[in-house]
N, C-alpha and C. Protein backbone atom coordinates (compact mmCIF):
# COMPACT_ATOMS: atom_id res chain seq x y z
N MET A 1 0.85 -1.18 0.00
CA MET A 1 0.00 0.00 0.00
C MET A 1 0.89 1.23 0.00
N PRO A 2 0.71 2.12 -1.00
CA PRO A 2 1.56 3.30 -1.06
C PRO A 2 1.29 4.27 0.07
N ILE A 3 2.35 4.92 0.50
CA ILE A 3 2.23 5.98 1.50
C ILE A 3 1.86 7.27 0.78
N MET A 4 2.47 7.52 -0.39
CA MET A 4 2.22 8.74 -1.13
C MET A 4 2.38 8.43 -2.60
N ALA A 5 1.52 8.96 -3.43
CA ALA A 5 1.64 8.81 -4.87
C ALA A 5 1.63 10.19 -5.49
N VAL A 6 2.53 10.42 -6.43
CA VAL A 6 2.58 11.70 -7.12
C VAL A 6 2.64 11.45 -8.61
N GLY A 7 2.17 12.40 -9.40
CA GLY A 7 2.28 12.30 -10.84
C GLY A 7 0.93 12.31 -11.51
N SER A 8 0.93 11.99 -12.79
CA SER A 8 -0.31 11.96 -13.56
C SER A 8 -0.91 10.57 -13.51
N GLU A 9 -2.05 10.40 -14.19
CA GLU A 9 -2.69 9.08 -14.19
C GLU A 9 -1.84 8.05 -14.91
N LYS A 10 -1.11 8.48 -15.97
CA LYS A 10 -0.32 7.53 -16.76
C LYS A 10 1.04 7.23 -16.13
N HIS A 11 1.65 8.23 -15.54
CA HIS A 11 2.99 8.07 -15.00
C HIS A 11 2.99 8.47 -13.53
N THR A 12 3.21 7.52 -12.68
CA THR A 12 3.22 7.82 -11.26
C THR A 12 4.47 7.28 -10.61
N SER A 13 4.80 7.86 -9.52
CA SER A 13 5.84 7.33 -8.65
C SER A 13 5.18 7.14 -7.30
N SER A 14 5.33 5.99 -6.73
CA SER A 14 4.72 5.71 -5.44
C SER A 14 5.79 5.48 -4.41
N GLN A 15 5.60 6.03 -3.25
CA GLN A 15 6.54 5.86 -2.16
C GLN A 15 6.00 4.75 -1.26
N PHE A 16 6.81 3.73 -1.05
CA PHE A 16 6.45 2.63 -0.20
C PHE A 16 7.42 2.59 0.97
N LEU A 17 7.09 1.88 2.02
CA LEU A 17 8.02 1.74 3.13
C LEU A 17 9.35 1.16 2.68
N TRP A 18 9.34 0.32 1.64
CA TRP A 18 10.55 -0.36 1.22
C TRP A 18 11.21 0.28 0.01
N GLY A 19 10.65 1.34 -0.55
CA GLY A 19 11.30 1.98 -1.68
C GLY A 19 10.35 2.77 -2.54
N VAL A 20 10.80 3.05 -3.78
CA VAL A 20 10.03 3.85 -4.71
C VAL A 20 9.80 3.04 -5.96
N ARG A 21 8.58 3.09 -6.48
CA ARG A 21 8.28 2.44 -7.74
C ARG A 21 7.96 3.55 -8.72
N SER A 22 8.65 3.57 -9.83
CA SER A 22 8.43 4.59 -10.84
C SER A 22 7.65 3.98 -11.99
N GLY A 23 6.85 4.79 -12.66
CA GLY A 23 6.05 4.33 -13.79
C GLY A 23 6.90 3.91 -14.97
N GLU A 24 8.13 4.41 -15.09
CA GLU A 24 8.96 4.07 -16.25
C GLU A 24 10.14 3.17 -15.94
N SER A 25 10.80 3.40 -14.83
CA SER A 25 12.00 2.61 -14.58
C SER A 25 12.16 2.34 -13.11
N PRO A 26 12.81 1.21 -12.79
CA PRO A 26 13.05 0.94 -11.37
C PRO A 26 14.04 1.96 -10.83
N VAL A 27 13.94 2.20 -9.55
CA VAL A 27 14.80 3.16 -8.89
C VAL A 27 15.63 2.43 -7.84
N ALA A 28 16.94 2.60 -7.89
CA ALA A 28 17.81 1.96 -6.91
C ALA A 28 17.89 2.83 -5.67
N LEU A 29 17.94 2.21 -4.54
CA LEU A 29 18.05 2.91 -3.27
C LEU A 29 19.47 2.79 -2.75
N GLU A 30 19.83 3.75 -1.92
CA GLU A 30 21.13 3.67 -1.25
C GLU A 30 21.11 2.53 -0.25
N LYS A 31 22.28 2.20 0.28
CA LYS A 31 22.36 1.20 1.32
C LYS A 31 21.54 1.64 2.52
N PRO A 32 21.01 0.71 3.31
CA PRO A 32 20.20 1.10 4.46
C PRO A 32 20.96 2.03 5.38
N GLY A 33 20.26 3.01 5.86
CA GLY A 33 20.80 3.98 6.79
C GLY A 33 19.62 4.69 7.41
N MET A 34 19.85 5.87 7.88
CA MET A 34 18.75 6.59 8.49
C MET A 34 17.67 6.88 7.46
N PHE A 35 18.06 7.35 6.28
CA PHE A 35 17.12 7.59 5.21
C PHE A 35 17.73 7.10 3.92
N SER A 36 16.90 6.65 3.02
CA SER A 36 17.33 6.34 1.67
C SER A 36 16.73 7.40 0.78
N GLN A 37 17.43 7.75 -0.27
CA GLN A 37 16.91 8.76 -1.17
C GLN A 37 16.91 8.20 -2.58
N ALA A 38 15.92 8.58 -3.36
CA ALA A 38 15.83 8.13 -4.73
C ALA A 38 15.39 9.29 -5.60
N LEU A 39 15.97 9.39 -6.80
CA LEU A 39 15.61 10.43 -7.72
C LEU A 39 14.63 9.84 -8.72
N THR A 40 13.51 10.47 -8.92
CA THR A 40 12.52 10.03 -9.88
C THR A 40 11.96 11.28 -10.55
N SER A 41 11.15 11.10 -11.53
CA SER A 41 10.60 12.29 -12.15
C SER A 41 9.10 12.18 -12.25
N VAL A 42 8.45 13.31 -12.13
CA VAL A 42 7.01 13.37 -12.27
C VAL A 42 6.75 13.79 -13.70
N ARG A 43 6.20 12.89 -14.51
CA ARG A 43 6.03 13.13 -15.94
C ARG A 43 5.07 14.26 -16.27
N ALA A 44 4.04 14.45 -15.50
CA ALA A 44 3.06 15.49 -15.81
C ALA A 44 3.72 16.86 -15.82
N GLU A 45 4.60 17.10 -14.88
CA GLU A 45 5.28 18.38 -14.79
C GLU A 45 6.68 18.34 -15.39
N GLY A 46 7.23 17.16 -15.56
CA GLY A 46 8.57 17.01 -16.10
C GLY A 46 9.67 17.46 -15.16
N LEU A 47 9.39 17.53 -13.86
CA LEU A 47 10.36 18.00 -12.88
C LEU A 47 10.97 16.83 -12.13
N PRO A 48 12.29 16.82 -11.97
CA PRO A 48 12.87 15.78 -11.12
C PRO A 48 12.60 16.11 -9.66
N ILE A 49 12.33 15.10 -8.87
CA ILE A 49 12.13 15.30 -7.44
C ILE A 49 12.97 14.28 -6.69
N LEU A 50 13.34 14.63 -5.48
CA LEU A 50 14.09 13.74 -4.61
C LEU A 50 13.13 13.26 -3.55
N VAL A 51 12.96 11.96 -3.48
CA VAL A 51 12.04 11.38 -2.52
C VAL A 51 12.85 10.79 -1.38
N THR A 52 12.59 11.20 -0.16
CA THR A 52 13.28 10.69 1.01
C THR A 52 12.37 9.67 1.69
N ILE A 53 12.90 8.50 1.92
CA ILE A 53 12.12 7.39 2.45
C ILE A 53 12.77 6.89 3.73
N PRO A 54 12.03 6.84 4.83
CA PRO A 54 12.61 6.25 6.05
C PRO A 54 12.98 4.80 5.80
N SER A 55 14.16 4.44 6.18
CA SER A 55 14.61 3.08 6.00
C SER A 55 14.01 2.17 7.07
N PRO A 56 13.44 1.01 6.69
CA PRO A 56 12.92 0.09 7.70
C PRO A 56 14.00 -0.33 8.70
N LYS A 57 15.26 -0.47 8.25
CA LYS A 57 16.34 -0.85 9.16
C LYS A 57 16.49 0.20 10.26
N ARG A 58 16.43 1.49 9.90
CA ARG A 58 16.57 2.56 10.88
C ARG A 58 15.38 2.56 11.84
N GLN A 59 14.18 2.27 11.32
CA GLN A 59 13.01 2.23 12.18
C GLN A 59 13.17 1.14 13.23
N ILE A 60 13.69 0.00 12.82
CA ILE A 60 13.91 -1.10 13.76
C ILE A 60 14.97 -0.69 14.78
N ASP A 61 16.07 -0.06 14.30
CA ASP A 61 17.12 0.38 15.20
C ASP A 61 16.57 1.39 16.21
N THR A 62 15.75 2.32 15.74
CA THR A 62 15.17 3.32 16.62
C THR A 62 14.30 2.67 17.67
N GLU A 63 13.52 1.67 17.27
CA GLU A 63 12.67 0.96 18.22
C GLU A 63 13.52 0.26 19.27
N SER A 64 14.62 -0.33 18.85
CA SER A 64 15.52 -1.02 19.76
C SER A 64 16.16 -0.03 20.73
N VAL A 65 16.62 1.10 20.21
CA VAL A 65 17.24 2.12 21.06
C VAL A 65 16.20 2.67 22.03
N SER A 66 15.01 2.92 21.54
CA SER A 66 13.93 3.43 22.39
C SER A 66 13.65 2.48 23.54
N SER A 67 13.59 1.21 23.24
CA SER A 67 13.35 0.19 24.26
C SER A 67 14.49 0.19 25.29
N THR A 68 15.71 0.32 24.82
CA THR A 68 16.88 0.35 25.70
C THR A 68 16.84 1.58 26.61
N ILE A 69 16.42 2.71 26.06
CA ILE A 69 16.32 3.93 26.86
C ILE A 69 15.29 3.75 27.97
N TYR A 70 14.13 3.17 27.64
CA TYR A 70 13.11 2.96 28.67
C TYR A 70 13.57 1.96 29.73
N GLN A 71 14.35 0.97 29.32
CA GLN A 71 14.94 0.05 30.30
C GLN A 71 15.90 0.80 31.22
N LEU A 72 16.68 1.71 30.65
CA LEU A 72 17.59 2.52 31.45
C LEU A 72 16.80 3.36 32.45
N PHE A 73 15.71 3.99 32.01
CA PHE A 73 14.89 4.79 32.91
C PHE A 73 14.36 3.95 34.07
N THR A 74 13.99 2.71 33.80
CA THR A 74 13.52 1.81 34.85
C THR A 74 14.64 1.51 35.84
N GLN A 75 15.84 1.23 35.32
CA GLN A 75 16.99 0.97 36.19
C GLN A 75 17.32 2.19 37.06
N LEU A 76 17.26 3.37 36.46
CA LEU A 76 17.55 4.59 37.20
C LEU A 76 16.54 4.80 38.32
N GLN A 77 15.30 4.54 38.02
CA GLN A 77 14.25 4.68 39.04
C GLN A 77 14.48 3.71 40.19
N LEU A 78 14.88 2.48 39.87
CA LEU A 78 15.16 1.49 40.91
C LEU A 78 16.35 1.89 41.78
N GLN A 79 17.27 2.67 41.22
CA GLN A 79 18.44 3.16 41.97
C GLN A 79 18.14 4.48 42.69
N GLY A 80 16.91 4.96 42.56
CA GLY A 80 16.54 6.19 43.23
C GLY A 80 16.98 7.45 42.51
N VAL A 81 17.25 7.34 41.23
CA VAL A 81 17.68 8.50 40.44
C VAL A 81 16.44 9.15 39.82
N GLN A 82 16.32 10.45 40.03
CA GLN A 82 15.22 11.20 39.42
C GLN A 82 15.66 11.63 38.03
N VAL A 83 14.75 11.53 37.06
CA VAL A 83 15.02 11.99 35.71
C VAL A 83 14.06 13.14 35.45
N SER A 84 14.59 14.36 35.53
CA SER A 84 13.72 15.50 35.24
C SER A 84 13.79 15.74 33.74
N GLN A 85 12.75 16.35 33.22
CA GLN A 85 12.69 16.58 31.77
C GLN A 85 12.91 15.27 31.02
N GLN A 86 12.16 14.24 31.40
CA GLN A 86 12.39 12.91 30.85
C GLN A 86 12.36 12.89 29.33
N SER A 87 11.48 13.66 28.71
CA SER A 87 11.41 13.67 27.25
C SER A 87 12.69 14.24 26.64
N GLU A 88 13.30 15.23 27.29
CA GLU A 88 14.56 15.78 26.79
C GLU A 88 15.70 14.77 26.93
N VAL A 89 15.73 14.08 28.05
CA VAL A 89 16.76 13.05 28.25
C VAL A 89 16.58 11.94 27.23
N TYR A 90 15.33 11.55 27.01
CA TYR A 90 15.01 10.52 26.01
C TYR A 90 15.52 10.95 24.63
N GLU A 91 15.19 12.17 24.21
CA GLU A 91 15.60 12.67 22.89
C GLU A 91 17.13 12.75 22.78
N TYR A 92 17.78 13.16 23.86
CA TYR A 92 19.25 13.23 23.86
C TYR A 92 19.84 11.83 23.64
N LEU A 93 19.33 10.87 24.38
CA LEU A 93 19.85 9.50 24.25
C LEU A 93 19.49 8.87 22.91
N LEU A 94 18.37 9.27 22.35
CA LEU A 94 18.00 8.79 21.02
C LEU A 94 18.97 9.37 19.98
N GLN A 95 19.38 10.61 20.18
CA GLN A 95 20.33 11.25 19.28
C GLN A 95 21.75 10.71 19.47
N PHE A 96 22.10 10.36 20.71
CA PHE A 96 23.44 9.85 21.03
C PHE A 96 23.32 8.50 21.74
N PRO A 97 22.90 7.46 21.02
CA PRO A 97 22.64 6.17 21.68
C PRO A 97 23.88 5.53 22.30
N ASP A 98 25.07 5.93 21.87
CA ASP A 98 26.27 5.37 22.50
C ASP A 98 26.46 5.88 23.92
N MET A 99 25.65 6.84 24.33
CA MET A 99 25.73 7.37 25.69
C MET A 99 24.90 6.57 26.69
N ILE A 100 24.04 5.69 26.21
CA ILE A 100 23.17 4.92 27.11
C ILE A 100 24.00 4.11 28.09
N GLU A 101 24.97 3.38 27.59
CA GLU A 101 25.81 2.55 28.45
C GLU A 101 26.66 3.42 29.39
N VAL A 102 27.12 4.56 28.89
CA VAL A 102 27.90 5.48 29.73
C VAL A 102 27.05 5.93 30.92
N VAL A 103 25.81 6.35 30.66
CA VAL A 103 24.92 6.80 31.72
C VAL A 103 24.69 5.68 32.72
N GLU A 104 24.40 4.50 32.22
CA GLU A 104 24.13 3.37 33.10
C GLU A 104 25.31 3.11 34.04
N GLN A 105 26.51 3.05 33.51
CA GLN A 105 27.68 2.75 34.33
C GLN A 105 28.09 3.94 35.22
N ALA A 106 27.99 5.16 34.67
CA ALA A 106 28.38 6.33 35.46
C ALA A 106 27.44 6.53 36.65
N VAL A 107 26.16 6.28 36.47
CA VAL A 107 25.21 6.40 37.59
C VAL A 107 25.51 5.35 38.65
N PHE A 108 25.83 4.14 38.22
CA PHE A 108 26.19 3.07 39.16
C PHE A 108 27.43 3.47 39.96
N ILE A 109 28.42 4.02 39.27
CA ILE A 109 29.65 4.47 39.93
C ILE A 109 29.34 5.61 40.91
N ALA A 110 28.54 6.57 40.46
CA ALA A 110 28.18 7.71 41.31
C ALA A 110 27.45 7.24 42.56
N ARG A 111 26.50 6.33 42.40
CA ARG A 111 25.74 5.84 43.54
C ARG A 111 26.67 5.14 44.54
N ASN A 112 27.62 4.35 44.05
CA ASN A 112 28.57 3.66 44.93
C ASN A 112 29.51 4.62 45.65
N HIS A 113 29.96 5.67 44.97
CA HIS A 113 30.88 6.63 45.58
C HIS A 113 30.19 7.61 46.52
N LEU A 114 28.96 7.97 46.19
CA LEU A 114 28.29 9.02 46.96
C LEU A 114 27.33 8.48 48.01
N GLY A 115 26.97 7.22 47.89
CA GLY A 115 26.11 6.59 48.89
C GLY A 115 24.63 6.94 48.73
N LYS A 116 23.85 6.35 49.59
CA LYS A 116 22.39 6.54 49.55
C LYS A 116 21.97 7.93 49.99
N GLU A 117 22.84 8.62 50.74
CA GLU A 117 22.46 9.96 51.21
C GLU A 117 22.42 10.99 50.09
N ALA A 118 23.02 10.67 48.95
CA ALA A 118 23.01 11.59 47.81
C ALA A 118 21.73 11.40 47.01
N GLN A 119 21.07 12.51 46.73
CA GLN A 119 19.95 12.46 45.79
C GLN A 119 20.55 12.71 44.41
N LEU A 120 20.28 11.82 43.48
CA LEU A 120 20.82 11.96 42.13
C LEU A 120 19.71 12.35 41.17
N GLN A 121 19.99 13.34 40.34
CA GLN A 121 19.00 13.79 39.36
C GLN A 121 19.66 13.96 38.01
N LEU A 122 19.14 13.27 37.00
CA LEU A 122 19.67 13.32 35.64
C LEU A 122 18.82 14.27 34.79
N GLU A 123 19.49 15.12 34.04
CA GLU A 123 18.77 16.01 33.14
C GLU A 123 19.70 16.45 32.01
N VAL A 124 19.13 17.11 31.02
CA VAL A 124 19.90 17.68 29.93
C VAL A 124 20.22 19.13 30.30
N TYR A 125 21.49 19.47 30.27
CA TYR A 125 21.93 20.84 30.55
C TYR A 125 22.06 21.58 29.22
N HIS A 126 21.48 22.76 29.15
CA HIS A 126 21.57 23.61 27.95
C HIS A 126 22.48 24.79 28.27
N ASP A 127 23.62 24.83 27.62
CA ASP A 127 24.57 25.92 27.84
C ASP A 127 24.06 27.18 27.14
N PRO A 128 23.77 28.23 27.87
CA PRO A 128 23.22 29.44 27.25
C PRO A 128 24.23 30.21 26.39
N GLU A 129 25.51 29.96 26.57
CA GLU A 129 26.52 30.71 25.83
C GLU A 129 26.76 30.18 24.43
N ASN A 130 26.73 28.85 24.26
CA ASN A 130 27.06 28.30 22.95
C ASN A 130 26.05 27.30 22.42
N GLU A 131 24.90 27.23 23.01
CA GLU A 131 23.81 26.35 22.58
C GLU A 131 24.19 24.87 22.62
N ASP A 132 25.23 24.54 23.35
CA ASP A 132 25.63 23.15 23.52
C ASP A 132 24.71 22.52 24.57
N GLU A 133 24.55 21.21 24.47
CA GLU A 133 23.80 20.50 25.51
C GLU A 133 24.48 19.18 25.81
N HIS A 134 24.34 18.76 27.07
CA HIS A 134 24.92 17.48 27.49
C HIS A 134 24.13 16.98 28.69
N LEU A 135 24.37 15.73 29.03
CA LEU A 135 23.72 15.15 30.19
C LEU A 135 24.47 15.52 31.46
N VAL A 136 23.72 15.85 32.49
CA VAL A 136 24.34 16.16 33.77
C VAL A 136 23.61 15.36 34.85
N LEU A 137 24.39 14.80 35.75
CA LEU A 137 23.86 14.09 36.90
C LEU A 137 24.20 14.93 38.12
N TYR A 138 23.16 15.56 38.68
CA TYR A 138 23.35 16.39 39.87
C TYR A 138 23.29 15.51 41.11
N ALA A 139 24.26 15.71 42.00
CA ALA A 139 24.26 15.05 43.31
C ALA A 139 23.91 16.11 44.34
N ARG A 140 22.86 15.85 45.11
CA ARG A 140 22.41 16.81 46.13
C ARG A 140 22.43 16.14 47.49
N PHE A 141 22.82 16.93 48.50
CA PHE A 141 22.97 16.42 49.86
C PHE A 141 22.26 17.33 50.85
N LEU A 142 21.89 16.75 51.98
CA LEU A 142 21.30 17.57 53.06
C LEU A 142 22.34 18.51 53.65
N ALA A 143 23.58 18.04 53.74
CA ALA A 143 24.68 18.86 54.28
C ALA A 143 25.88 18.71 53.35
N TYR A 144 26.55 19.82 53.10
CA TYR A 144 27.73 19.84 52.24
C TYR A 144 28.96 20.11 53.11
N ASP A 145 29.97 19.28 52.89
CA ASP A 145 31.24 19.51 53.58
C ASP A 145 32.36 19.37 52.56
N GLU A 146 33.59 19.44 53.04
CA GLU A 146 34.75 19.41 52.13
C GLU A 146 34.91 18.08 51.39
N THR A 147 34.26 17.01 51.87
CA THR A 147 34.42 15.71 51.22
C THR A 147 33.50 15.53 50.01
N VAL A 148 32.47 16.35 49.88
CA VAL A 148 31.52 16.17 48.78
C VAL A 148 32.22 16.27 47.42
N MET A 149 32.96 17.33 47.19
CA MET A 149 33.62 17.50 45.90
C MET A 149 34.70 16.45 45.69
N GLU A 150 35.37 16.02 46.76
CA GLU A 150 36.36 14.94 46.64
C GLU A 150 35.69 13.66 46.15
N LYS A 151 34.52 13.33 46.71
CA LYS A 151 33.79 12.13 46.30
C LYS A 151 33.32 12.23 44.85
N ILE A 152 32.84 13.41 44.47
CA ILE A 152 32.39 13.62 43.09
C ILE A 152 33.56 13.47 42.11
N ARG A 153 34.70 14.07 42.44
CA ARG A 153 35.88 13.95 41.57
C ARG A 153 36.35 12.50 41.46
N ALA A 154 36.30 11.78 42.57
CA ALA A 154 36.70 10.36 42.55
C ALA A 154 35.78 9.56 41.64
N ALA A 155 34.48 9.84 41.70
CA ALA A 155 33.52 9.13 40.83
C ALA A 155 33.77 9.49 39.37
N ARG A 156 34.04 10.76 39.08
CA ARG A 156 34.34 11.18 37.70
C ARG A 156 35.53 10.42 37.14
N ARG A 157 36.58 10.30 37.98
CA ARG A 157 37.77 9.58 37.51
C ARG A 157 37.44 8.14 37.14
N ARG A 158 36.48 7.54 37.82
CA ARG A 158 36.11 6.14 37.56
C ARG A 158 35.33 5.96 36.26
N TYR A 159 34.56 6.98 35.84
CA TYR A 159 33.78 6.81 34.61
C TYR A 159 34.33 7.58 33.41
N ARG A 160 35.27 8.49 33.63
CA ARG A 160 35.75 9.36 32.55
C ARG A 160 36.22 8.59 31.32
N HIS A 161 36.88 7.47 31.50
CA HIS A 161 37.37 6.68 30.36
C HIS A 161 36.23 6.18 29.47
N LEU A 162 35.04 6.07 30.02
CA LEU A 162 33.89 5.59 29.24
C LEU A 162 33.47 6.61 28.17
N LEU A 163 33.85 7.86 28.34
CA LEU A 163 33.45 8.92 27.41
C LEU A 163 34.33 9.01 26.16
N HIS A 164 35.48 8.36 26.17
CA HIS A 164 36.38 8.43 25.02
C HIS A 164 35.69 7.86 23.78
N GLY A 165 35.69 8.67 22.72
CA GLY A 165 35.13 8.23 21.45
C GLY A 165 33.61 8.29 21.38
N LYS A 166 32.96 8.81 22.39
CA LYS A 166 31.50 8.88 22.39
C LYS A 166 31.04 10.16 21.70
N SER A 167 29.81 10.12 21.24
CA SER A 167 29.27 11.26 20.49
C SER A 167 28.65 12.33 21.38
N GLY A 168 28.36 12.00 22.62
CA GLY A 168 27.75 12.96 23.53
C GLY A 168 28.65 13.23 24.72
N TRP A 169 28.09 13.89 25.74
CA TRP A 169 28.87 14.20 26.92
C TRP A 169 28.02 14.01 28.16
N PHE A 170 28.67 13.66 29.26
CA PHE A 170 28.01 13.40 30.54
C PHE A 170 28.93 13.92 31.64
N ILE A 171 28.33 14.56 32.64
CA ILE A 171 29.13 15.00 33.78
C ILE A 171 28.34 14.83 35.07
N LEU A 172 29.06 14.41 36.08
CA LEU A 172 28.53 14.34 37.45
C LEU A 172 29.01 15.59 38.17
N THR A 173 28.09 16.29 38.81
CA THR A 173 28.43 17.50 39.56
C THR A 173 27.40 17.74 40.64
N THR A 174 27.52 18.86 41.31
CA THR A 174 26.51 19.27 42.28
C THR A 174 26.18 20.72 42.02
N ASP A 175 24.96 21.10 42.39
CA ASP A 175 24.56 22.52 42.31
C ASP A 175 24.39 23.09 43.71
N PHE A 176 24.83 22.32 44.70
CA PHE A 176 24.80 22.70 46.12
C PHE A 176 23.39 23.03 46.62
N GLN A 177 22.39 22.44 45.98
CA GLN A 177 21.02 22.62 46.44
C GLN A 177 20.65 21.47 47.37
N GLN A 178 19.60 21.69 48.11
CA GLN A 178 19.07 20.64 48.99
C GLN A 178 18.29 19.62 48.14
N PRO A 179 18.25 18.38 48.59
CA PRO A 179 17.44 17.39 47.86
C PRO A 179 15.98 17.84 47.79
N LYS A 180 15.35 17.49 46.71
CA LYS A 180 13.94 17.86 46.52
C LYS A 180 13.02 16.73 46.88
């Protein structure tokens, strides 16, 4: 069943989930990726058009990544980690799926170094100066002393190697606020 058909009654090009069918000639698609593109022409107008078709392989990959992200959210909840702006965190991880494992391991490390007394909150930080964004895990305590930053730095040293070669960024820090 076509998703979209364009052209005249005699010459049509139909967009299908698996590719494009042209009224005159078959159209080859690129190798599977995020999108496949095919050049075809609409005979009624005689104009070439570029048809972009979501690749079924990418749809499956996205579904798999989405499922993995929701599993991560469940694990974080079980560890007592709050995820504020959950849709933003979801979109960030969907954009940078290689960060999912980093978050999982870094949160585990943070929880072990900071203990149960730390409230952990994961969110996407938006840098107002350069429009950059990254994941931040805030550690909040009822009382702050000189050991808090030492513990945070020790946890960072344990997960920092996980960030090498990754497409996104993650940092553990504190904003010196009280737990919510």
